[in-house]
Amino acid sequence: MKLGVFTVLLVHKPLEEAMDYIAAKGLNAVEIGTGGYPGNAHCNVDELLADQGKLKAYINVFKSRGLEISALSCHGNPLHPQKQIAKSYHDDFMKTLELAHLMGVKTVVGFSGCPGDHEHAKYPNWPVAPWPNDYREILDWQWEQKLIPYWTEIGKQVEELDVNIALELHGGFSVHSPATLLRLREAAGLRIGANLDPSHMWWQGIDPVQAIRILGRNDAIYHFHAKDTAIDPVNVNMHGITDMQSYTQMLDRAWQFRTVGYGHDLKTWADILSTLRLVGYNGAVSIEHEDGLMSVDEGFTKAVQNLQQILLREPVEEMWWV
């Protein structure tokens, strides 16, 4: 496995300065934001697609520092019911796929998107209960009329580009659990897989180790984010796991994102990494920083220190004791 980072946490630094900082931490992989919610501060996609010389120089920024690009990431909602918003996210994602192909990057991370509740809706609708039956009808319509047709077509296009799509299982989007990912994968093809982030499993009440086993048995894990979640045992009884308070309300929220090791101990994280290897994943472990109690530098540094103790780097050898 390679230790990496999603570089959007360093958008305040110019590209080369950010890569120097990452390399100095001893990392060997980076995930680059190319548009959508994370923005594209370190990757001008249009410029790189238009100029082979600039693309070559861009690739050398990483290569010269011993950094592998684990994924390009374009998180958006290409199924947003407002067509102009959906088109913007869709266009960014398609250009990211093309850029990944040109760069030889095999994985593009994103969200499945979430449609509205009918053809002329204005906002996304994320059903979370099967009754009243209206919610079930909304869910069926979303999958049959929007989600499956859209991603089936994208799946055909990425086959030609030889790029895999790693959809992040994230609340608020149609694909948010192992079951929803596997349902879409069955319909849209094997180019669709998961970007698994344990933090989004914990707050939904899903054990990340079991999620890895489920997805791993289907060869469906294409990328991995390292971020933690702390569940407040008192506040969760007040607000439940679908707590809608702002992330800034940290004292009152039922759960909050933390840096690795500050929501769950390193034994839990060691189990997660061991299970990743057990199911055959040996790609990047890409650190995300969304910890409201730590600065970017402190949160990132502590995540690196904690993961370096438990990361499985060397290839598996023959069992000499068998």
C-alpha atoms as a PDB file:
ATOM      1  CA  MET A   1       0.000   0.000   0.000  1.00  0.00           C
ATOM      2  CA  LYS A   2       1.022   3.603  -0.568  1.00  0.00           C
ATOM      3  CA  LEU A   3       0.365   6.452   1.834  1.00  0.00           C
ATOM      4  CA  GLY A   4      -1.178   9.425   0.090  1.00  0.00           C
ATOM      5  CA  VAL A   5      -3.272  12.537   0.578  1.00  0.00           C
ATOM      6  CA  PHE A   6      -6.176  14.302  -1.093  1.00  0.00           C
ATOM      7  CA  THR A   7      -4.379  17.556  -1.867  1.00  0.00           C
ATOM      8  CA  VAL A   8      -7.413  19.864  -1.538  1.00  0.00           C
ATOM      9  CA  LEU A   9      -6.383  20.427   2.079  1.00  0.00           C
ATOM     10  CA  LEU A  10      -3.396  22.365   0.699  1.00  0.00           C
ATOM     11  CA  VAL A  11      -5.221  24.637  -1.748  1.00  0.00           C
ATOM     12  CA  HIS A  12      -3.669  27.648  -0.003  1.00  0.00           C
ATOM     13  CA  LYS A  13      -0.249  26.529  -1.276  1.00  0.00           C
ATOM     14  CA  PRO A  14       0.907  26.707  -4.912  1.00  0.00           C
ATOM     15  CA  LEU A  15       1.216  23.311  -6.601  1.00  0.00           C
ATOM     16  CA  GLU A  16       4.975  22.835  -6.376  1.00  0.00           C
ATOM     17  CA  GLU A  17       5.142  24.102  -2.791  1.00  0.00           C
ATOM     18  CA  ALA A  18       2.316  21.749  -1.825  1.00  0.00           C
ATOM     19  CA  MET A  19       4.067  18.774  -3.433  1.00  0.00           C
ATOM     20  CA  ASP A  20       7.332  19.622  -1.667  1.00  0.00           C
ATOM     21  CA  TYR A  21       5.438  19.701   1.639  1.00  0.00           C
ATOM     22  CA  ILE A  22       3.808  16.327   0.934  1.00  0.00           C
ATOM     23  CA  ALA A  23       7.043  14.676  -0.178  1.00  0.00           C
ATOM     24  CA  ALA A  24       8.799  15.967   2.945  1.00  0.00           C
ATOM     25  CA  LYS A  25       6.199  14.134   5.053  1.00  0.00           C
ATOM     26  CA  GLY A  26       7.332  10.852   3.494  1.00  0.00           C
ATOM     27  CA  LEU A  27       4.210  10.258   1.382  1.00  0.00           C
ATOM     28  CA  ASN A  28       4.351   8.643  -2.026  1.00  0.00           C
ATOM     29  CA  ALA A  29       0.885   9.228  -3.523  1.00  0.00           C
ATOM     30  CA  VAL A  30      -1.420  12.165  -4.167  1.00  0.00           C
ATOM     31  CA  GLU A  31      -5.055  12.528  -5.167  1.00  0.00           C
ATOM     32  CA  ILE A  32      -5.692  15.696  -7.157  1.00  0.00           C
ATOM     33  CA  GLY A  33      -8.931  17.678  -7.221  1.00  0.00           C
ATOM     34  CA  THR A  34     -10.027  18.601 -10.746  1.00  0.00           C
ATOM     35  CA  GLY A  35     -13.401  20.266 -10.202  1.00  0.00           C
ATOM     36  CA  GLY A  36     -16.782  19.967  -8.555  1.00  0.00           C
ATOM     37  CA  TYR A  37     -17.087  20.652  -4.844  1.00  0.00           C
ATOM     38  CA  PRO A  38     -13.307  20.359  -4.089  1.00  0.00           C
ATOM     39  CA  GLY A  39     -12.362  22.751  -6.900  1.00  0.00           C
ATOM     40  CA  ASN A  40      -9.321  22.544  -9.163  1.00  0.00           C
ATOM     41  CA  ALA A  41      -6.730  24.734  -7.440  1.00  0.00           C
ATOM     42  CA  HIS A  42      -3.900  22.320  -8.327  1.00  0.00           C
ATOM     43  CA  CYS A  43      -5.127  21.229 -11.750  1.00  0.00           C
ATOM     44  CA  ASN A  44      -6.257  23.468 -14.594  1.00  0.00           C
ATOM     45  CA  VAL A  45      -7.950  20.738 -16.609  1.00  0.00           C
ATOM     46  CA  ASP A  46      -8.766  22.834 -19.687  1.00  0.00           C
ATOM     47  CA  GLU A  47      -5.204  24.106 -19.936  1.00  0.00           C
ATOM     48  CA  LEU A  48      -3.696  20.631 -19.608  1.00  0.00           C
ATOM     49  CA  LEU A  49      -6.062  19.137 -22.176  1.00  0.00           C
ATOM     50  CA  ALA A  50      -5.175  21.875 -24.664  1.00  0.00           C
ATOM     51  CA  ASP A  51      -1.366  21.862 -24.332  1.00  0.00           C
ATOM     52  CA  GLN A  52       0.767  18.709 -24.440  1.00  0.00           C
ATOM     53  CA  GLY A  53       3.821  20.633 -23.277  1.00  0.00           C
ATOM     54  CA  LYS A  54       2.073  21.911 -20.171  1.00  0.00           C
ATOM     55  CA  LEU A  55       0.680  18.433 -19.510  1.00  0.00           C
ATOM     56  CA  LYS A  56       4.168  16.910 -19.669  1.00  0.00           C
ATOM     57  CA  ALA A  57       5.548  19.573 -17.320  1.00  0.00           C
ATOM     58  CA  TYR A  58       2.605  19.038 -14.951  1.00  0.00           C
ATOM     59  CA  ILE A  59       3.218  15.299 -14.755  1.00  0.00           C
ATOM     60  CA  ASN A  60       6.886  15.958 -14.035  1.00  0.00           C
ATOM     61  CA  VAL A  61       5.964  17.997 -10.944  1.00  0.00           C
ATOM     62  CA  PHE A  62       4.882  14.748  -9.303  1.00  0.00           C
ATOM     63  CA  LYS A  63       7.368  12.381 -10.918  1.00  0.00           C
ATOM     64  CA  SER A  64      10.362  14.511  -9.908  1.00  0.00           C
ATOM     65  CA  ARG A  65       9.276  14.271  -6.269  1.00  0.00           C
ATOM     66  CA  GLY A  66       8.627  10.538  -6.304  1.00  0.00           C
ATOM     67  CA  LEU A  67       4.863  11.021  -6.036  1.00  0.00           C
ATOM     68  CA  GLU A  68       2.357   8.787  -7.789  1.00  0.00           C
ATOM     69  CA  ILE A  69      -1.056  10.189  -8.719  1.00  0.00           C
ATOM     70  CA  SER A  70      -3.463   7.691  -7.159  1.00  0.00           C
ATOM     71  CA  ALA A  71      -6.574   9.368  -8.576  1.00  0.00           C
ATOM     72  CA  LEU A  72      -8.065  12.482 -10.076  1.00  0.00           C
ATOM     73  CA  SER A  73     -11.088  13.585  -8.052  1.00  0.00           C
ATOM     74  CA  CYS A  74     -14.106  15.460  -9.341  1.00  0.00           C
ATOM     75  CA  HIS A  75     -16.870  15.333  -6.734  1.00  0.00           C
ATOM     76  CA  GLY A  76     -20.137  16.817  -7.933  1.00  0.00           C
ATOM     77  CA  ASN A  77     -23.809  16.101  -8.566  1.00  0.00           C
ATOM     78  CA  PRO A  78     -24.176  15.340 -12.288  1.00  0.00           C
ATOM     79  CA  LEU A  79     -27.786  14.307 -11.625  1.00  0.00           C
ATOM     80  CA  HIS A  80     -28.797  17.591 -10.009  1.00  0.00           C
ATOM     81  CA  PRO A  81     -32.396  18.407 -11.054  1.00  0.00           C
ATOM     82  CA  GLN A  82     -31.390  21.904 -12.180  1.00  0.00           C
ATOM     83  CA  LYS A  83     -30.021  21.167 -15.630  1.00  0.00           C
ATOM     84  CA  GLN A  84     -27.373  23.897 -15.746  1.00  0.00           C
ATOM     85  CA  ILE A  85     -25.906  22.751 -12.423  1.00  0.00           C
ATOM     86  CA  ALA A  86     -25.958  19.114 -13.537  1.00  0.00           C
ATOM     87  CA  LYS A  87     -24.287  20.010 -16.851  1.00  0.00           C
ATOM     88  CA  SER A  88     -21.476  21.874 -15.110  1.00  0.00           C
ATOM     89  CA  TYR A  89     -20.698  18.881 -12.878  1.00  0.00           C
ATOM     90  CA  HIS A  90     -21.071  16.463 -15.783  1.00  0.00           C
ATOM     91  CA  ASP A  91     -18.737  18.460 -18.035  1.00  0.00           C
ATOM     92  CA  ASP A  92     -16.085  18.704 -15.312  1.00  0.00           C
ATOM     93  CA  PHE A  93     -16.304  14.956 -14.716  1.00  0.00           C
ATOM     94  CA  MET A  94     -16.039  14.052 -18.399  1.00  0.00           C
ATOM     95  CA  LYS A  95     -13.015  16.312 -18.880  1.00  0.00           C
ATOM     96  CA  THR A  96     -11.452  14.709 -15.812  1.00  0.00           C
ATOM     97  CA  LEU A  97     -11.927  11.261 -17.337  1.00  0.00           C
ATOM     98  CA  GLU A  98     -10.240  12.434 -20.540  1.00  0.00           C
ATOM     99  CA  LEU A  99      -7.347  13.955 -18.608  1.00  0.00           C
ATOM    100  CA  ALA A 100      -6.902  10.770 -16.557  1.00  0.00           C
ATOM    101  CA  HIS A 101      -6.672   8.792 -19.793  1.00  0.00           C
ATOM    102  CA  LEU A 102      -3.985  11.117 -21.187  1.00  0.00           C
ATOM    103  CA  MET A 103      -2.005  11.018 -17.936  1.00  0.00           C
ATOM    104  CA  GLY A 104      -2.238   7.259 -17.474  1.00  0.00           C
ATOM    105  CA  VAL A 105      -4.129   7.692 -14.192  1.00  0.00           C
ATOM    106  CA  LYS A 106      -6.398   4.677 -13.801  1.00  0.00           C
ATOM    107  CA  THR A 107      -8.920   6.018 -11.266  1.00  0.00           C
ATOM    108  CA  VAL A 108     -11.297   8.975 -11.123  1.00  0.00           C
ATOM    109  CA  VAL A 109     -13.121   9.581  -7.831  1.00  0.00           C
ATOM    110  CA  GLY A 110     -16.531  11.220  -7.657  1.00  0.00           C
ATOM    111  CA  PHE A 111     -20.086  11.081  -6.313  1.00  0.00           C
ATOM    112  CA  SER A 112     -22.994   9.199  -7.840  1.00  0.00           C
ATOM    113  CA  GLY A 113     -25.133  12.304  -7.688  1.00  0.00           C
ATOM    114  CA  CYS A 114     -28.682  12.584  -6.347  1.00  0.00           C
ATOM    115  CA  PRO A 115     -31.679  13.532  -8.528  1.00  0.00           C
ATOM    116  CA  GLY A 116     -34.821  15.375  -7.517  1.00  0.00           C
ATOM    117  CA  ASP A 117     -38.160  13.683  -6.901  1.00  0.00           C
ATOM    118  CA  HIS A 118     -39.663  14.345 -10.346  1.00  0.00           C
ATOM    119  CA  GLU A 119     -38.668  15.672 -13.764  1.00  0.00           C
ATOM    120  CA  HIS A 120     -39.260  19.325 -12.899  1.00  0.00           C
ATOM    121  CA  ALA A 121     -37.835  19.329  -9.369  1.00  0.00           C
ATOM    122  CA  LYS A 122     -35.540  22.128  -8.260  1.00  0.00           C
ATOM    123  CA  TYR A 123     -33.498  20.411  -5.522  1.00  0.00           C
ATOM    124  CA  PRO A 124     -32.100  16.914  -4.895  1.00  0.00           C
ATOM    125  CA  ASN A 125     -34.170  14.530  -2.780  1.00  0.00           C
ATOM    126  CA  TRP A 126     -32.424  11.828  -0.724  1.00  0.00           C
ATOM    127  CA  PRO A 127     -35.042   9.337   0.530  1.00  0.00           C
ATOM    128  CA  VAL A 128     -34.034   7.623   3.780  1.00  0.00           C
ATOM    129  CA  ALA A 129     -37.227   5.747   4.725  1.00  0.00           C
ATOM    130  CA  PRO A 130     -39.365   3.185   2.846  1.00  0.00           C
ATOM    131  CA  TRP A 131     -42.656   4.511   4.237  1.00  0.00           C
ATOM    132  CA  PRO A 132     -44.836   6.457   3.594  1.00  0.00           C
ATOM    133  CA  ASN A 133     -44.745   4.849   0.175  1.00  0.00           C
ATOM    134  CA  ASP A 134     -44.106   8.179  -1.544  1.00  0.00           C
ATOM    135  CA  TYR A 135     -40.432   7.838  -0.606  1.00  0.00           C
ATOM    136  CA  ARG A 136     -40.219   4.365  -2.152  1.00  0.00           C
ATOM    137  CA  GLU A 137     -41.794   5.680  -5.349  1.00  0.00           C
ATOM    138  CA  ILE A 138     -39.303   8.550  -5.455  1.00  0.00           C
ATOM    139  CA  LEU A 139     -36.396   6.146  -4.961  1.00  0.00           C
ATOM    140  CA  ASP A 140     -37.560   3.794  -7.724  1.00  0.00           C
ATOM    141  CA  TRP A 141     -38.011   6.713 -10.124  1.00  0.00           C
ATOM    142  CA  GLN A 142     -34.559   8.096  -9.329  1.00  0.00           C
ATOM    143  CA  TRP A 143     -32.817   4.792  -9.986  1.00  0.00           C
ATOM    144  CA  GLU A 144     -34.794   3.683 -13.021  1.00  0.00           C
ATOM    145  CA  GLN A 145     -35.076   7.028 -14.803  1.00  0.00           C
ATOM    146  CA  LYS A 146     -31.907   8.854 -13.758  1.00  0.00           C
ATOM    147  CA  LEU A 147     -29.175   6.970 -11.929  1.00  0.00           C
ATOM    148  CA  ILE A 148     -28.930   3.721 -13.915  1.00  0.00           C
ATOM    149  CA  PRO A 149     -29.304   5.284 -17.388  1.00  0.00           C
ATOM    150  CA  TYR A 150     -26.721   7.991 -16.639  1.00  0.00           C
ATOM    151  CA  TRP A 151     -24.033   5.729 -15.191  1.00  0.00           C
ATOM    152  CA  THR A 152     -24.639   2.967 -17.723  1.00  0.00           C
ATOM    153  CA  GLU A 153     -23.748   5.408 -20.488  1.00  0.00           C
ATOM    154  CA  ILE A 154     -20.710   6.693 -18.570  1.00  0.00           C
ATOM    155  CA  GLY A 155     -19.618   3.092 -17.983  1.00  0.00           C
ATOM    156  CA  LYS A 156     -19.544   2.474 -21.744  1.00  0.00           C
ATOM    157  CA  GLN A 157     -17.460   5.589 -22.360  1.00  0.00           C
ATOM    158  CA  VAL A 158     -14.829   4.860 -19.707  1.00  0.00           C
ATOM    159  CA  GLU A 159     -14.316   1.397 -21.154  1.00  0.00           C
ATOM    160  CA  GLU A 160     -12.721   3.065 -24.171  1.00  0.00           C
ATOM    161  CA  LEU A 161     -10.639   5.357 -21.952  1.00  0.00           C
ATOM    162  CA  ASP A 162      -9.439   2.461 -19.750  1.00  0.00           C
ATOM    163  CA  VAL A 163     -10.276   4.404 -16.575  1.00  0.00           C
ATOM    164  CA  ASN A 164     -12.148   3.170 -13.497  1.00  0.00           C
ATOM    165  CA  ILE A 165     -14.672   5.294 -11.610  1.00  0.00           C
ATOM    166  CA  ALA A 166     -14.507   5.181  -7.807  1.00  0.00           C
ATOM    167  CA  LEU A 167     -17.792   6.516  -6.440  1.00  0.00           C
ATOM    168  CA  GLU A 168     -17.483   7.736  -2.882  1.00  0.00           C
ATOM    169  CA  LEU A 169     -20.102   6.199  -0.587  1.00  0.00           C
ATOM    170  CA  HIS A 170     -21.435   9.398   0.930  1.00  0.00           C
ATOM    171  CA  GLY A 171     -24.695  10.326   2.631  1.00  0.00           C
ATOM    172  CA  GLY A 172     -26.856  12.702   0.628  1.00  0.00           C
ATOM    173  CA  PHE A 173     -26.135  10.865  -2.635  1.00  0.00           C
ATOM    174  CA  SER A 174     -27.883   7.899  -4.203  1.00  0.00           C
ATOM    175  CA  VAL A 175     -24.823   5.671  -3.795  1.00  0.00           C
ATOM    176  CA  HIS A 176     -23.958   5.816  -0.090  1.00  0.00           C
ATOM    177  CA  SER A 177     -23.621   2.196   1.105  1.00  0.00           C
ATOM    178  CA  PRO A 178     -22.152  -1.121  -0.098  1.00  0.00           C
ATOM    179  CA  ALA A 179     -25.606  -2.237  -1.260  1.00  0.00           C
ATOM    180  CA  THR A 180     -26.287   0.873  -3.342  1.00  0.00           C
ATOM    181  CA  LEU A 181     -22.815   0.740  -4.902  1.00  0.00           C
ATOM    182  CA  LEU A 182     -23.200  -2.918  -5.848  1.00  0.00           C
ATOM    183  CA  ARG A 183     -26.679  -2.284  -7.244  1.00  0.00           C
ATOM    184  CA  LEU A 184     -25.348   0.426  -9.550  1.00  0.00           C
ATOM    185  CA  ARG A 185     -22.276  -1.628 -10.473  1.00  0.00           C
ATOM    186  CA  GLU A 186     -24.471  -4.567 -11.501  1.00  0.00           C
ATOM    187  CA  ALA A 187     -26.512  -2.291 -13.765  1.00  0.00           C
ATOM    188  CA  ALA A 188     -23.800   0.008 -15.142  1.00  0.00           C
ATOM    189  CA  GLY A 189     -20.770  -2.261 -15.406  1.00  0.00           C
ATOM    190  CA  LEU A 190     -17.539  -3.194 -13.685  1.00  0.00           C
ATOM    191  CA  ARG A 191     -15.840   0.124 -14.424  1.00  0.00           C
ATOM    192  CA  ILE A 192     -17.944   1.458 -11.544  1.00  0.00           C
ATOM    193  CA  GLY A 193     -16.461   0.758  -8.116  1.00  0.00           C
ATOM    194  CA  ALA A 194     -16.105   2.337  -4.687  1.00  0.00           C
ATOM    195  CA  ASN A 195     -14.008   5.009  -3.105  1.00  0.00           C
ATOM    196  CA  LEU A 196     -14.385   3.762   0.460  1.00  0.00           C
ATOM    197  CA  ASP A 197     -14.137   6.310   3.255  1.00  0.00           C
ATOM    198  CA  PRO A 198     -14.596   4.753   6.734  1.00  0.00           C
ATOM    199  CA  SER A 199     -15.771   8.079   8.150  1.00  0.00           C
ATOM    200  CA  HIS A 200     -18.962   7.887   6.064  1.00  0.00           C
ATOM    201  CA  MET A 201     -19.542   4.297   7.082  1.00  0.00           C
ATOM    202  CA  TRP A 202     -19.298   4.959  10.819  1.00  0.00           C
ATOM    203  CA  TRP A 203     -21.868   7.753  10.912  1.00  0.00           C
ATOM    204  CA  GLN A 204     -24.334   5.600   8.977  1.00  0.00           C
ATOM    205  CA  GLY A 205     -23.866   2.756  11.483  1.00  0.00           C
ATOM    206  CA  ILE A 206     -21.867   0.586   9.048  1.00  0.00           C
ATOM    207  CA  ASP A 207     -18.743  -1.252  10.209  1.00  0.00           C
ATOM    208  CA  PRO A 208     -15.986  -0.289   7.706  1.00  0.00           C
ATOM    209  CA  VAL A 209     -14.296  -3.691   8.099  1.00  0.00           C
ATOM    210  CA  GLN A 210     -17.476  -5.465   7.027  1.00  0.00           C
ATOM    211  CA  ALA A 211     -18.037  -2.937   4.229  1.00  0.00           C
ATOM    212  CA  ILE A 212     -14.547  -3.731   2.941  1.00  0.00           C
ATOM    213  CA  ARG A 213     -15.289  -7.457   3.067  1.00  0.00           C
ATOM    214  CA  ILE A 214     -18.561  -7.022   1.187  1.00  0.00           C
ATOM    215  CA  LEU A 215     -17.107  -4.807  -1.516  1.00  0.00           C
ATOM    216  CA  GLY A 216     -13.794  -6.663  -1.635  1.00  0.00           C
ATOM    217  CA  ARG A 217     -15.463  -9.978  -2.388  1.00  0.00           C
ATOM    218  CA  ASN A 218     -16.861  -8.257  -5.470  1.00  0.00           C
ATOM    219  CA  ASP A 219     -13.500  -6.677  -6.444  1.00  0.00           C
ATOM    220  CA  ALA A 220     -15.279  -3.345  -6.137  1.00  0.00           C
ATOM    221  CA  ILE A 221     -12.827  -1.177  -4.126  1.00  0.00           C
ATOM    222  CA  TYR A 222     -10.971   1.175  -6.465  1.00  0.00           C
ATOM    223  CA  HIS A 223      -9.742   3.835  -4.015  1.00  0.00           C
ATOM    224  CA  PHE A 224      -9.645   4.513  -0.275  1.00  0.00           C
ATOM    225  CA  HIS A 225      -9.887   7.635   1.886  1.00  0.00           C
ATOM    226  CA  ALA A 226      -8.439   7.806   5.394  1.00  0.00           C
ATOM    227  CA  LYS A 227     -10.682   9.924   7.602  1.00  0.00           C
ATOM    228  CA  ASP A 228     -12.167   9.220  11.020  1.00  0.00           C
ATOM    229  CA  THR A 229     -15.511   9.916  12.693  1.00  0.00           C
ATOM    230  CA  ALA A 230     -16.261  10.413  16.376  1.00  0.00           C
ATOM    231  CA  ILE A 231     -19.774   9.530  17.551  1.00  0.00           C
ATOM    232  CA  ASP A 232     -21.001  11.514  20.569  1.00  0.00           C
ATOM    233  CA  PRO A 233     -22.892   8.966  22.734  1.00  0.00           C
ATOM    234  CA  VAL A 234     -25.075  11.668  24.317  1.00  0.00           C
ATOM    235  CA  ASN A 235     -25.852  13.852  21.304  1.00  0.00           C
ATOM    236  CA  VAL A 236     -26.670  10.894  19.063  1.00  0.00           C
ATOM    237  CA  ASN A 237     -29.615  10.153  21.349  1.00  0.00           C
ATOM    238  CA  MET A 238     -30.900  13.668  20.763  1.00  0.00           C
ATOM    239  CA  HIS A 239     -30.298  14.062  17.027  1.00  0.00           C
ATOM    240  CA  GLY A 240     -29.782  10.564  15.599  1.00  0.00           C
ATOM    241  CA  ILE A 241     -27.304   9.717  12.868  1.00  0.00           C
ATOM    242  CA  THR A 242     -29.035  11.974  10.339  1.00  0.00           C
ATOM    243  CA  ASP A 243     -28.099  15.027  12.419  1.00  0.00           C
ATOM    244  CA  MET A 244     -28.741  18.073  10.206  1.00  0.00           C
ATOM    245  CA  GLN A 245     -26.892  20.617  12.347  1.00  0.00           C
ATOM    246  CA  SER A 246     -23.998  22.449  10.748  1.00  0.00           C
ATOM    247  CA  TYR A 247     -20.581  20.796  11.046  1.00  0.00           C
ATOM    248  CA  THR A 248     -19.536  23.921  12.928  1.00  0.00           C
ATOM    249  CA  GLN A 249     -21.842  22.980  15.857  1.00  0.00           C
ATOM    250  CA  MET A 250     -19.254  20.559  17.167  1.00  0.00           C
ATOM    251  CA  LEU A 251     -20.278  20.608  20.826  1.00  0.00           C
ATOM    252  CA  ASP A 252     -23.868  19.656  20.000  1.00  0.00           C
ATOM    253  CA  ARG A 253     -23.566  17.392  16.969  1.00  0.00           C
ATOM    254  CA  ALA A 254     -24.212  13.627  17.130  1.00  0.00           C
ATOM    255  CA  TRP A 255     -21.045  12.937  15.166  1.00  0.00           C
ATOM    256  CA  GLN A 256     -18.151  14.799  13.629  1.00  0.00           C
ATOM    257  CA  PHE A 257     -15.242  14.087  11.326  1.00  0.00           C
ATOM    258  CA  ARG A 258     -11.848  13.647  12.971  1.00  0.00           C
ATOM    259  CA  THR A 259      -8.321  12.939  11.831  1.00  0.00           C
ATOM    260  CA  VAL A 260      -7.207   9.303  11.811  1.00  0.00           C
ATOM    261  CA  GLY A 261      -6.885   7.955  15.368  1.00  0.00           C
ATOM    262  CA  TYR A 262      -9.093  10.590  16.998  1.00  0.00           C
ATOM    263  CA  GLY A 263     -12.415   8.852  16.435  1.00  0.00           C
ATOM    264  CA  HIS A 264     -11.264   5.222  16.596  1.00  0.00           C
ATOM    265  CA  ASP A 265      -8.069   3.705  17.974  1.00  0.00           C
ATOM    266  CA  LEU A 266      -5.187   2.421  15.875  1.00  0.00           C
ATOM    267  CA  LYS A 267      -6.194  -1.209  16.464  1.00  0.00           C
ATOM    268  CA  THR A 268      -9.433  -0.440  14.633  1.00  0.00           C
ATOM    269  CA  TRP A 269      -7.499   1.255  11.845  1.00  0.00           C
ATOM    270  CA  ALA A 270      -5.041  -1.659  11.706  1.00  0.00           C
ATOM    271  CA  ASP A 271      -8.008  -3.992  11.255  1.00  0.00           C
ATOM    272  CA  ILE A 272      -9.253  -1.813   8.412  1.00  0.00           C
ATOM    273  CA  LEU A 273      -5.906  -1.816   6.612  1.00  0.00           C
ATOM    274  CA  SER A 274      -5.443  -5.545   7.172  1.00  0.00           C
ATOM    275  CA  THR A 275      -8.881  -6.224   5.721  1.00  0.00           C
ATOM    276  CA  LEU A 276      -8.066  -4.091   2.696  1.00  0.00           C
ATOM    277  CA  ARG A 277      -5.066  -6.306   2.058  1.00  0.00           C
ATOM    278  CA  LEU A 278      -7.122  -9.429   2.792  1.00  0.00           C
ATOM    279  CA  VAL A 279      -9.485  -8.580  -0.076  1.00  0.00           C
ATOM    280  CA  GLY A 280      -6.631  -7.704  -2.416  1.00  0.00           C
ATOM    281  CA  TYR A 281      -6.542  -3.904  -2.251  1.00  0.00           C
ATOM    282  CA  ASN A 282      -2.983  -2.593  -2.380  1.00  0.00           C
ATOM    283  CA  GLY A 283      -3.599   0.905  -3.685  1.00  0.00           C
ATOM    284  CA  ALA A 284      -3.335   4.289  -2.011  1.00  0.00           C
ATOM    285  CA  VAL A 285      -4.545   5.159   1.466  1.00  0.00           C
ATOM    286  CA  SER A 286      -5.422   8.778   0.773  1.00  0.00           C
ATOM    287  CA  ILE A 287      -5.649  11.047   3.822  1.00  0.00           C
ATOM    288  CA  GLU A 288      -8.476  13.574   4.027  1.00  0.00           C
ATOM    289  CA  HIS A 289      -8.472  16.390   6.573  1.00  0.00           C
ATOM    290  CA  GLU A 290     -11.885  17.622   7.747  1.00  0.00           C
ATOM    291  CA  ASP A 291     -11.211  17.900  11.479  1.00  0.00           C
ATOM    292  CA  GLY A 292     -12.679  21.048  13.016  1.00  0.00           C
ATOM    293  CA  LEU A 293     -10.539  20.716  16.149  1.00  0.00           C
ATOM    294  CA  MET A 294      -7.155  20.747  14.385  1.00  0.00           C
ATOM    295  CA  SER A 295      -5.321  22.963  11.952  1.00  0.00           C
ATOM    296  CA  VAL A 296      -4.590  21.487   8.535  1.00  0.00           C
ATOM    297  CA  ASP A 297      -0.925  20.999   9.372  1.00  0.00           C
ATOM    298  CA  GLU A 298      -1.559  19.385  12.756  1.00  0.00           C
ATOM    299  CA  GLY A 299      -4.407  17.167  11.558  1.00  0.00           C
ATOM    300  CA  PHE A 300      -2.518  16.026   8.473  1.00  0.00           C
ATOM    301  CA  THR A 301       0.705  15.447  10.410  1.00  0.00           C
ATOM    302  CA  LYS A 302      -1.019  13.362  13.087  1.00  0.00           C
ATOM    303  CA  ALA A 303      -2.828  11.289  10.433  1.00  0.00           C
ATOM    304  CA  VAL A 304       0.510  10.607   8.726  1.00  0.00           C
ATOM    305  CA  GLN A 305       2.182   9.656  11.999  1.00  0.00           C
ATOM    306  CA  ASN A 306      -0.637   7.319  12.997  1.00  0.00           C
ATOM    307  CA  LEU A 307      -0.957   5.618   9.622  1.00  0.00           C
ATOM    308  CA  GLN A 308       2.787   5.147   9.188  1.00  0.00           C
ATOM    309  CA  GLN A 309       2.757   2.898  12.260  1.00  0.00           C
ATOM    310  CA  ILE A 310       0.216   0.475  10.801  1.00  0.00           C
ATOM    311  CA  LEU A 311       0.433   0.770   7.002  1.00  0.00           C
ATOM    312  CA  LEU A 312       1.238  -2.509   5.234  1.00  0.00           C
ATOM    313  CA  ARG A 313       3.899  -1.522   2.716  1.00  0.00           C
ATOM    314  CA  GLU A 314       5.830  -4.654   1.749  1.00  0.00           C
ATOM    315  CA  PRO A 315       4.396  -7.331  -0.552  1.00  0.00           C
ATOM    316  CA  VAL A 316       3.134 -10.532   1.046  1.00  0.00           C
ATOM    317  CA  GLU A 317       5.684 -13.352   1.095  1.00  0.00           C
ATOM    318  CA  GLU A 318       5.208 -17.106   0.978  1.00  0.00           C
ATOM    319  CA  MET A 319       3.945 -18.589   4.278  1.00  0.00           C
ATOM    320  CA  TRP A 320       7.175 -20.355   5.310  1.00  0.00           C
ATOM    321  CA  TRP A 321       5.488 -21.803   8.409  1.00  0.00           C
ATOM    322  CA  VAL A 322       2.796 -23.671   6.455  1.00  0.00           C
END
